Amino acid sequence: MQKYKGFPSRMPGTDYQFTIRRANPKGATKLIHRERYRDRKPADQRADKAFLEQVVHYFGAEPFQRGCLDAGRLSWFFGREIISATESFDTQSYESLLKVDLELVRISFPGILE
């Protein structure tokens, strides 16, 4: 499992997790498409923005391995702002390649790319 030195493990001052410490011996948790409803708690919305901001800052538009990034947090963006970088994408692999759709980030989270 790829670990990203310098990537924050959680949102500062909260328990919102961004990374995991070690690989699950049974395999990675499956990435799913989660709906982000407008009535989500403000704290959840701040965590979403903080995580996506870190992903954009750390990886930019380049493809990256899923690695130690938290599946729950990734699932809020999977299929929208964070997409598969290959056609043969395995949702349960730590080695799967992802990439950021910067145009959608610009629309969904204005201010992150400025």
C-alpha atoms as a PDB file:
ATOM      1  CA  MET A   1       0.000   0.000   0.000  1.00  0.00           C
ATOM      2  CA  GLN A   2       1.357   3.377  -1.079  1.00  0.00           C
ATOM      3  CA  LYS A   3       1.719   5.909   1.747  1.00  0.00           C
ATOM      4  CA  TYR A   4       1.905   9.629   1.058  1.00  0.00           C
ATOM      5  CA  LYS A   5       4.438  11.474   3.175  1.00  0.00           C
ATOM      6  CA  GLY A   6       3.166  14.919   4.076  1.00  0.00           C
ATOM      7  CA  PHE A   7      -0.488  14.156   3.332  1.00  0.00           C
ATOM      8  CA  PRO A   8      -2.515  14.937   6.494  1.00  0.00           C
ATOM      9  CA  SER A   9      -3.971  11.903   8.260  1.00  0.00           C
ATOM     10  CA  ARG A  10      -7.082  13.786   9.347  1.00  0.00           C
ATOM     11  CA  MET A  11      -8.727  17.183   9.267  1.00  0.00           C
ATOM     12  CA  PRO A  12      -6.929  19.334  11.860  1.00  0.00           C
ATOM     13  CA  GLY A  13      -8.824  19.631  15.133  1.00  0.00           C
ATOM     14  CA  THR A  14     -11.375  16.940  14.246  1.00  0.00           C
ATOM     15  CA  ASP A  15     -11.760  13.171  13.946  1.00  0.00           C
ATOM     16  CA  TYR A  16     -12.481  13.307  10.206  1.00  0.00           C
ATOM     17  CA  GLN A  17     -10.028  10.741   8.846  1.00  0.00           C
ATOM     18  CA  PHE A  18      -8.190  11.253   5.519  1.00  0.00           C
ATOM     19  CA  THR A  19      -5.791   8.280   5.515  1.00  0.00           C
ATOM     20  CA  ILE A  20      -5.480   4.801   6.975  1.00  0.00           C
ATOM     21  CA  ARG A  21      -2.431   3.508   8.830  1.00  0.00           C
ATOM     22  CA  ARG A  22      -2.112   0.011   7.425  1.00  0.00           C
ATOM     23  CA  ALA A  23      -3.546  -2.187   4.718  1.00  0.00           C
ATOM     24  CA  ASN A  24      -6.411  -4.507   5.526  1.00  0.00           C
ATOM     25  CA  PRO A  25      -5.209  -8.120   5.060  1.00  0.00           C
ATOM     26  CA  LYS A  26      -8.577  -9.003   3.487  1.00  0.00           C
ATOM     27  CA  GLY A  27      -8.175  -6.264   0.858  1.00  0.00           C
ATOM     28  CA  ALA A  28      -9.086  -2.638   0.434  1.00  0.00           C
ATOM     29  CA  THR A  29     -12.554  -1.372   1.263  1.00  0.00           C
ATOM     30  CA  LYS A  30     -14.605  -1.014  -1.902  1.00  0.00           C
ATOM     31  CA  LEU A  31     -15.007   2.501  -3.297  1.00  0.00           C
ATOM     32  CA  ILE A  32     -18.637   3.402  -3.940  1.00  0.00           C
ATOM     33  CA  HIS A  33     -20.478   6.424  -5.294  1.00  0.00           C
ATOM     34  CA  ARG A  34     -21.993   8.304  -2.318  1.00  0.00           C
ATOM     35  CA  GLU A  35     -24.520  11.087  -2.782  1.00  0.00           C
ATOM     36  CA  ARG A  36     -23.641  14.439  -1.212  1.00  0.00           C
ATOM     37  CA  TYR A  37     -26.959  15.988  -0.281  1.00  0.00           C
ATOM     38  CA  ARG A  38     -27.241  19.741   0.289  1.00  0.00           C
ATOM     39  CA  ASP A  39     -28.551  19.238   3.836  1.00  0.00           C
ATOM     40  CA  ARG A  40     -25.340  17.579   5.095  1.00  0.00           C
ATOM     41  CA  LYS A  41     -23.899  18.977   8.298  1.00  0.00           C
ATOM     42  CA  PRO A  42     -21.613  21.993   7.882  1.00  0.00           C
ATOM     43  CA  ALA A  43     -18.778  20.073   9.583  1.00  0.00           C
ATOM     44  CA  ASP A  44     -19.098  17.282   6.982  1.00  0.00           C
ATOM     45  CA  GLN A  45     -19.028  19.842   4.187  1.00  0.00           C
ATOM     46  CA  ARG A  46     -15.874  21.424   5.645  1.00  0.00           C
ATOM     47  CA  ALA A  47     -14.240  17.987   5.858  1.00  0.00           C
ATOM     48  CA  ASP A  48     -15.140  17.304   2.212  1.00  0.00           C
ATOM     49  CA  LYS A  49     -13.602  20.575   1.112  1.00  0.00           C
ATOM     50  CA  ALA A  50     -10.484  20.097   3.262  1.00  0.00           C
ATOM     51  CA  PHE A  51      -9.888  16.577   1.921  1.00  0.00           C
ATOM     52  CA  LEU A  52     -10.391  17.537  -1.714  1.00  0.00           C
ATOM     53  CA  GLU A  53      -8.167  20.573  -1.242  1.00  0.00           C
ATOM     54  CA  GLN A  54      -5.377  18.324   0.059  1.00  0.00           C
ATOM     55  CA  VAL A  55      -5.820  15.836  -2.811  1.00  0.00           C
ATOM     56  CA  VAL A  56      -5.675  18.628  -5.410  1.00  0.00           C
ATOM     57  CA  HIS A  57      -2.668  20.232  -3.720  1.00  0.00           C
ATOM     58  CA  TYR A  58      -0.799  16.928  -3.323  1.00  0.00           C
ATOM     59  CA  PHE A  59      -1.576  15.233  -6.669  1.00  0.00           C
ATOM     60  CA  GLY A  60      -2.854  17.928  -9.037  1.00  0.00           C
ATOM     61  CA  ALA A  61      -4.094  16.509 -12.348  1.00  0.00           C
ATOM     62  CA  GLU A  62      -1.633  13.586 -12.360  1.00  0.00           C
ATOM     63  CA  PRO A  63      -2.871  10.000 -11.865  1.00  0.00           C
ATOM     64  CA  PHE A  64      -2.179   8.597  -8.387  1.00  0.00           C
ATOM     65  CA  GLN A  65      -2.554   5.306  -6.551  1.00  0.00           C
ATOM     66  CA  ARG A  66      -5.390   5.005  -4.075  1.00  0.00           C
ATOM     67  CA  GLY A  67      -2.870   3.828  -1.493  1.00  0.00           C
ATOM     68  CA  CYS A  68      -3.536   4.880   2.089  1.00  0.00           C
ATOM     69  CA  LEU A  69      -6.353   7.320   1.280  1.00  0.00           C
ATOM     70  CA  ASP A  70      -9.482   6.558   3.301  1.00  0.00           C
ATOM     71  CA  ALA A  71     -12.162   4.734   1.277  1.00  0.00           C
ATOM     72  CA  GLY A  72     -15.018   6.424   3.111  1.00  0.00           C
ATOM     73  CA  ARG A  73     -13.680   9.884   2.386  1.00  0.00           C
ATOM     74  CA  LEU A  74     -12.790   9.006  -1.238  1.00  0.00           C
ATOM     75  CA  SER A  75     -16.282   7.612  -1.826  1.00  0.00           C
ATOM     76  CA  TRP A  76     -17.826  11.073  -1.334  1.00  0.00           C
ATOM     77  CA  PHE A  77     -15.926  12.175  -4.476  1.00  0.00           C
ATOM     78  CA  PHE A  78     -15.608   8.941  -6.461  1.00  0.00           C
ATOM     79  CA  GLY A  79     -17.191   9.182  -9.887  1.00  0.00           C
ATOM     80  CA  ARG A  80     -17.364  12.974  -9.762  1.00  0.00           C
ATOM     81  CA  GLU A  81     -14.341  15.030  -8.714  1.00  0.00           C
ATOM     82  CA  ILE A  82     -12.115  11.944  -8.353  1.00  0.00           C
ATOM     83  CA  ILE A  83     -12.350   9.462 -11.214  1.00  0.00           C
ATOM     84  CA  SER A  84     -10.605   6.287 -12.310  1.00  0.00           C
ATOM     85  CA  ALA A  85      -7.476   6.873 -14.374  1.00  0.00           C
ATOM     86  CA  THR A  86      -7.668   3.511 -16.175  1.00  0.00           C
ATOM     87  CA  GLU A  87     -10.395   1.519 -17.883  1.00  0.00           C
ATOM     88  CA  SER A  88      -9.660  -1.614 -15.843  1.00  0.00           C
ATOM     89  CA  PHE A  89     -10.296  -0.009 -12.459  1.00  0.00           C
ATOM     90  CA  ASP A  90     -10.568  -2.248  -9.397  1.00  0.00           C
ATOM     91  CA  THR A  91     -12.620  -0.577  -6.649  1.00  0.00           C
ATOM     92  CA  GLN A  92     -11.053  -2.895  -4.044  1.00  0.00           C
ATOM     93  CA  SER A  93      -7.358  -2.426  -4.797  1.00  0.00           C
ATOM     94  CA  TYR A  94      -4.859  -0.164  -3.062  1.00  0.00           C
ATOM     95  CA  GLU A  95      -2.920   0.018  -6.358  1.00  0.00           C
ATOM     96  CA  SER A  96      -5.854   1.350  -8.439  1.00  0.00           C
ATOM     97  CA  LEU A  97      -5.097   4.601 -10.235  1.00  0.00           C
ATOM     98  CA  LEU A  98      -7.280   7.647  -9.680  1.00  0.00           C
ATOM     99  CA  LYS A  99      -7.123  11.210 -10.949  1.00  0.00           C
ATOM    100  CA  VAL A 100      -8.756  14.511 -10.118  1.00  0.00           C
ATOM    101  CA  ASP A 101     -11.202  16.093 -12.566  1.00  0.00           C
ATOM    102  CA  LEU A 102     -10.053  19.678 -12.091  1.00  0.00           C
ATOM    103  CA  GLU A 103     -12.888  21.165 -14.171  1.00  0.00           C
ATOM    104  CA  LEU A 104     -15.499  19.549 -11.934  1.00  0.00           C
ATOM    105  CA  VAL A 105     -13.580  20.628  -8.824  1.00  0.00           C
ATOM    106  CA  ARG A 106     -13.681  24.203 -10.134  1.00  0.00           C
ATOM    107  CA  ILE A 107     -17.480  23.949 -10.492  1.00  0.00           C
ATOM    108  CA  SER A 108     -18.320  21.977  -7.330  1.00  0.00           C
ATOM    109  CA  PHE A 109     -15.831  23.588  -4.941  1.00  0.00           C
ATOM    110  CA  PRO A 110     -15.039  27.100  -6.129  1.00  0.00           C
ATOM    111  CA  GLY A 111     -12.042  28.544  -4.345  1.00  0.00           C
ATOM    112  CA  ILE A 112      -9.961  25.353  -4.107  1.00  0.00           C
ATOM    113  CA  LEU A 113      -8.046  25.989  -7.321  1.00  0.00           C
ATOM    114  CA  GLU A 114      -7.527  29.715  -6.851  1.00  0.00           C
END
